[in-house]
Amino acid sequence: MTTVTANDVRVLARSRDVDPVLAVVDGVVVVIPEAQLKEGDVALCTQQKLVRELGDEISDIEAQLFAGRLTNLFTE
């Protein structure tokens, strides 16, 4: 089972890539530029969406809760 962690959310929030996205690539959760997504990869969340929902400063609790939401959405 693929699990998104609070650390994954924090890495997305701090990424300086162009249009970063949290994605599942070959069963592994990674942060990559959206342009690098390939067929079969699953985009979970963009940095823009993350900032829109949680703001610029993300607490540990917010990161954990958001990670749980993303994990649930991916496994449904």
N, C-alpha and C. Protein backbone atom coordinates (compact mmCIF):
# COMPACT_ATOMS: atom_id res chain seq x y z
N MET A 1 0.84 -1.19 0.00
CA MET A 1 0.00 0.00 0.00
C MET A 1 0.88 1.25 0.00
N THR A 2 0.54 2.20 -0.82
CA THR A 2 1.28 3.45 -0.90
C THR A 2 0.74 4.42 0.14
N THR A 3 1.65 5.00 0.92
CA THR A 3 1.26 5.93 1.97
C THR A 3 1.98 7.26 1.78
N VAL A 4 1.22 8.33 1.79
CA VAL A 4 1.78 9.67 1.74
C VAL A 4 2.11 10.08 3.18
N THR A 5 3.30 10.60 3.40
CA THR A 5 3.70 11.01 4.75
C THR A 5 3.67 12.52 4.88
N ALA A 6 3.70 12.98 6.13
CA ALA A 6 3.77 14.41 6.39
C ALA A 6 5.04 15.00 5.77
N ASN A 7 6.12 14.23 5.77
CA ASN A 7 7.35 14.69 5.15
C ASN A 7 7.18 14.91 3.65
N ASP A 8 6.43 14.02 2.99
CA ASP A 8 6.16 14.20 1.55
C ASP A 8 5.45 15.53 1.31
N VAL A 9 4.50 15.86 2.17
CA VAL A 9 3.76 17.11 2.04
C VAL A 9 4.69 18.30 2.25
N ARG A 10 5.58 18.21 3.24
CA ARG A 10 6.52 19.31 3.49
C ARG A 10 7.50 19.47 2.32
N VAL A 11 7.94 18.36 1.74
CA VAL A 11 8.85 18.44 0.57
C VAL A 11 8.14 19.14 -0.58
N LEU A 12 6.89 18.82 -0.82
CA LEU A 12 6.12 19.49 -1.87
C LEU A 12 6.01 20.99 -1.57
N ALA A 13 5.72 21.32 -0.34
CA ALA A 13 5.55 22.73 0.03
C ALA A 13 6.83 23.53 -0.20
N ARG A 14 8.00 22.92 0.03
CA ARG A 14 9.27 23.63 -0.08
C ARG A 14 9.94 23.50 -1.45
N SER A 15 9.38 22.68 -2.32
CA SER A 15 10.02 22.44 -3.61
C SER A 15 10.18 23.72 -4.42
N ARG A 16 11.32 23.83 -5.06
CA ARG A 16 11.59 24.98 -5.94
C ARG A 16 11.53 24.57 -7.42
N ASP A 17 11.05 23.35 -7.68
CA ASP A 17 10.86 22.91 -9.06
C ASP A 17 9.79 23.78 -9.73
N VAL A 18 9.79 23.78 -11.05
CA VAL A 18 8.75 24.46 -11.80
C VAL A 18 7.50 23.59 -11.77
N ASP A 19 6.40 24.13 -11.26
CA ASP A 19 5.13 23.41 -11.15
C ASP A 19 5.30 22.04 -10.50
N PRO A 20 5.78 21.98 -9.25
CA PRO A 20 5.98 20.69 -8.60
C PRO A 20 4.66 20.00 -8.27
N VAL A 21 4.72 18.69 -8.31
CA VAL A 21 3.55 17.87 -8.03
C VAL A 21 3.98 16.68 -7.18
N LEU A 22 3.15 16.31 -6.23
CA LEU A 22 3.36 15.10 -5.45
C LEU A 22 2.70 13.99 -6.24
N ALA A 23 3.47 12.97 -6.58
CA ALA A 23 2.96 11.93 -7.46
C ALA A 23 3.44 10.55 -7.01
N VAL A 24 2.73 9.54 -7.48
CA VAL A 24 3.16 8.16 -7.28
C VAL A 24 3.75 7.70 -8.60
N VAL A 25 5.04 7.40 -8.57
CA VAL A 25 5.77 6.95 -9.76
C VAL A 25 6.36 5.58 -9.43
N ASP A 26 5.94 4.58 -10.17
CA ASP A 26 6.41 3.20 -9.93
C ASP A 26 6.21 2.78 -8.47
N GLY A 27 5.07 3.17 -7.90
CA GLY A 27 4.74 2.78 -6.53
C GLY A 27 5.41 3.58 -5.43
N VAL A 28 6.16 4.62 -5.80
CA VAL A 28 6.89 5.44 -4.82
C VAL A 28 6.35 6.86 -4.88
N VAL A 29 6.12 7.46 -3.70
CA VAL A 29 5.67 8.84 -3.63
C VAL A 29 6.87 9.76 -3.80
N VAL A 30 6.80 10.66 -4.80
CA VAL A 30 7.90 11.58 -5.10
C VAL A 30 7.35 12.95 -5.43
N VAL A 31 8.22 13.95 -5.35
CA VAL A 31 7.90 15.30 -5.82
C VAL A 31 8.72 15.54 -7.07
N ILE A 32 8.02 15.82 -8.17
CA ILE A 32 8.68 16.05 -9.45
C ILE A 32 7.98 17.22 -10.15
N PRO A 33 8.64 17.82 -11.13
CA PRO A 33 7.96 18.84 -11.95
C PRO A 33 6.80 18.18 -12.71
N GLU A 34 5.71 18.87 -12.80
CA GLU A 34 4.52 18.32 -13.46
C GLU A 34 4.83 17.86 -14.89
N ALA A 35 5.73 18.55 -15.57
CA ALA A 35 6.08 18.23 -16.95
C ALA A 35 6.74 16.85 -17.07
N GLN A 36 7.26 16.31 -15.96
CA GLN A 36 7.93 15.01 -16.00
C GLN A 36 6.99 13.83 -15.76
N LEU A 37 5.72 14.11 -15.50
CA LEU A 37 4.76 13.02 -15.32
C LEU A 37 4.63 12.23 -16.60
N LYS A 38 4.59 10.91 -16.44
CA LYS A 38 4.44 10.03 -17.60
C LYS A 38 3.14 9.25 -17.47
N GLU A 39 2.77 8.59 -18.54
CA GLU A 39 1.59 7.75 -18.51
C GLU A 39 1.77 6.68 -17.43
N GLY A 40 0.77 6.50 -16.64
CA GLY A 40 0.84 5.53 -15.54
C GLY A 40 1.21 6.15 -14.20
N ASP A 41 1.80 7.35 -14.21
CA ASP A 41 2.09 8.05 -12.96
C ASP A 41 0.77 8.65 -12.45
N VAL A 42 0.66 8.77 -11.15
CA VAL A 42 -0.55 9.32 -10.55
C VAL A 42 -0.21 10.61 -9.81
N ALA A 43 -0.75 11.73 -10.29
CA ALA A 43 -0.55 13.01 -9.61
C ALA A 43 -1.51 13.08 -8.44
N LEU A 44 -0.97 13.33 -7.25
CA LEU A 44 -1.79 13.41 -6.05
C LEU A 44 -2.17 14.84 -5.69
N CYS A 45 -1.22 15.76 -5.84
CA CYS A 45 -1.47 17.15 -5.45
C CYS A 45 -0.39 18.04 -6.04
N THR A 46 -0.79 19.22 -6.47
CA THR A 46 0.18 20.21 -6.93
C THR A 46 0.56 21.12 -5.77
N GLN A 47 1.68 21.80 -5.90
CA GLN A 47 2.09 22.76 -4.88
C GLN A 47 1.06 23.89 -4.79
N GLN A 48 0.54 24.32 -5.92
CA GLN A 48 -0.46 25.39 -5.94
C GLN A 48 -1.69 25.01 -5.12
N LYS A 49 -2.17 23.78 -5.29
CA LYS A 49 -3.34 23.33 -4.54
C LYS A 49 -3.02 23.26 -3.05
N LEU A 50 -1.84 22.77 -2.72
CA LEU A 50 -1.43 22.67 -1.33
C LEU A 50 -1.42 24.04 -0.66
N VAL A 51 -0.83 25.02 -1.32
CA VAL A 51 -0.75 26.38 -0.77
C VAL A 51 -2.15 27.00 -0.69
N ARG A 52 -2.97 26.72 -1.69
CA ARG A 52 -4.34 27.26 -1.69
C ARG A 52 -5.14 26.71 -0.51
N GLU A 53 -4.94 25.44 -0.17
CA GLU A 53 -5.70 24.82 0.91
C GLU A 53 -5.12 25.08 2.29
N LEU A 54 -3.78 25.12 2.41
CA LEU A 54 -3.16 25.21 3.74
C LEU A 54 -2.38 26.51 3.97
N GLY A 55 -2.15 27.29 2.94
CA GLY A 55 -1.38 28.51 3.10
C GLY A 55 0.12 28.27 2.96
N ASP A 56 0.89 29.33 3.16
CA ASP A 56 2.34 29.24 2.97
C ASP A 56 3.06 28.53 4.10
N GLU A 57 2.55 28.65 5.32
CA GLU A 57 3.16 28.00 6.48
C GLU A 57 2.32 26.80 6.86
N ILE A 58 2.93 25.62 6.87
CA ILE A 58 2.20 24.39 7.16
C ILE A 58 2.73 23.80 8.47
N SER A 59 1.82 23.62 9.41
CA SER A 59 2.22 23.02 10.70
C SER A 59 2.37 21.51 10.53
N ASP A 60 3.00 20.89 11.50
CA ASP A 60 3.17 19.43 11.47
C ASP A 60 1.82 18.72 11.46
N ILE A 61 0.89 19.21 12.24
CA ILE A 61 -0.45 18.60 12.30
C ILE A 61 -1.14 18.72 10.95
N GLU A 62 -1.07 19.90 10.34
CA GLU A 62 -1.69 20.10 9.02
C GLU A 62 -1.06 19.16 7.99
N ALA A 63 0.25 19.03 8.02
CA ALA A 63 0.95 18.14 7.08
C ALA A 63 0.51 16.70 7.28
N GLN A 64 0.37 16.27 8.53
CA GLN A 64 -0.06 14.90 8.81
C GLN A 64 -1.49 14.66 8.33
N LEU A 65 -2.38 15.61 8.62
CA LEU A 65 -3.77 15.45 8.20
C LEU A 65 -3.91 15.46 6.68
N PHE A 66 -3.18 16.36 6.02
CA PHE A 66 -3.24 16.44 4.56
C PHE A 66 -2.68 15.16 3.93
N ALA A 67 -1.60 14.64 4.50
CA ALA A 67 -1.01 13.39 4.01
C ALA A 67 -2.02 12.25 4.14
N GLY A 68 -2.71 12.22 5.25
CA GLY A 68 -3.74 11.18 5.45
C GLY A 68 -4.85 11.28 4.42
N ARG A 69 -5.28 12.51 4.12
CA ARG A 69 -6.31 12.72 3.09
C ARG A 69 -5.84 12.22 1.74
N LEU A 70 -4.60 12.57 1.37
CA LEU A 70 -4.07 12.14 0.07
C LEU A 70 -3.95 10.63 0.00
N THR A 71 -3.50 10.01 1.09
CA THR A 71 -3.39 8.55 1.12
C THR A 71 -4.77 7.92 0.92
N ASN A 72 -5.76 8.44 1.62
CA ASN A 72 -7.12 7.89 1.49
C ASN A 72 -7.66 8.06 0.08
N LEU A 73 -7.43 9.22 -0.52
CA LEU A 73 -7.89 9.45 -1.89
C LEU A 73 -7.22 8.50 -2.87
N PHE A 74 -5.92 8.24 -2.65
CA PHE A 74 -5.19 7.37 -3.57
C PHE A 74 -5.64 5.92 -3.45
N THR A 75 -5.94 5.48 -2.25
CA THR A 75 -6.27 4.06 -2.04
C THR A 75 -7.74 3.74 -2.28
N GLU A 76 -8.58 4.76 -2.46
CA GLU A 76 -10.01 4.50 -2.72
C GLU A 76 -10.25 3.98 -4.11
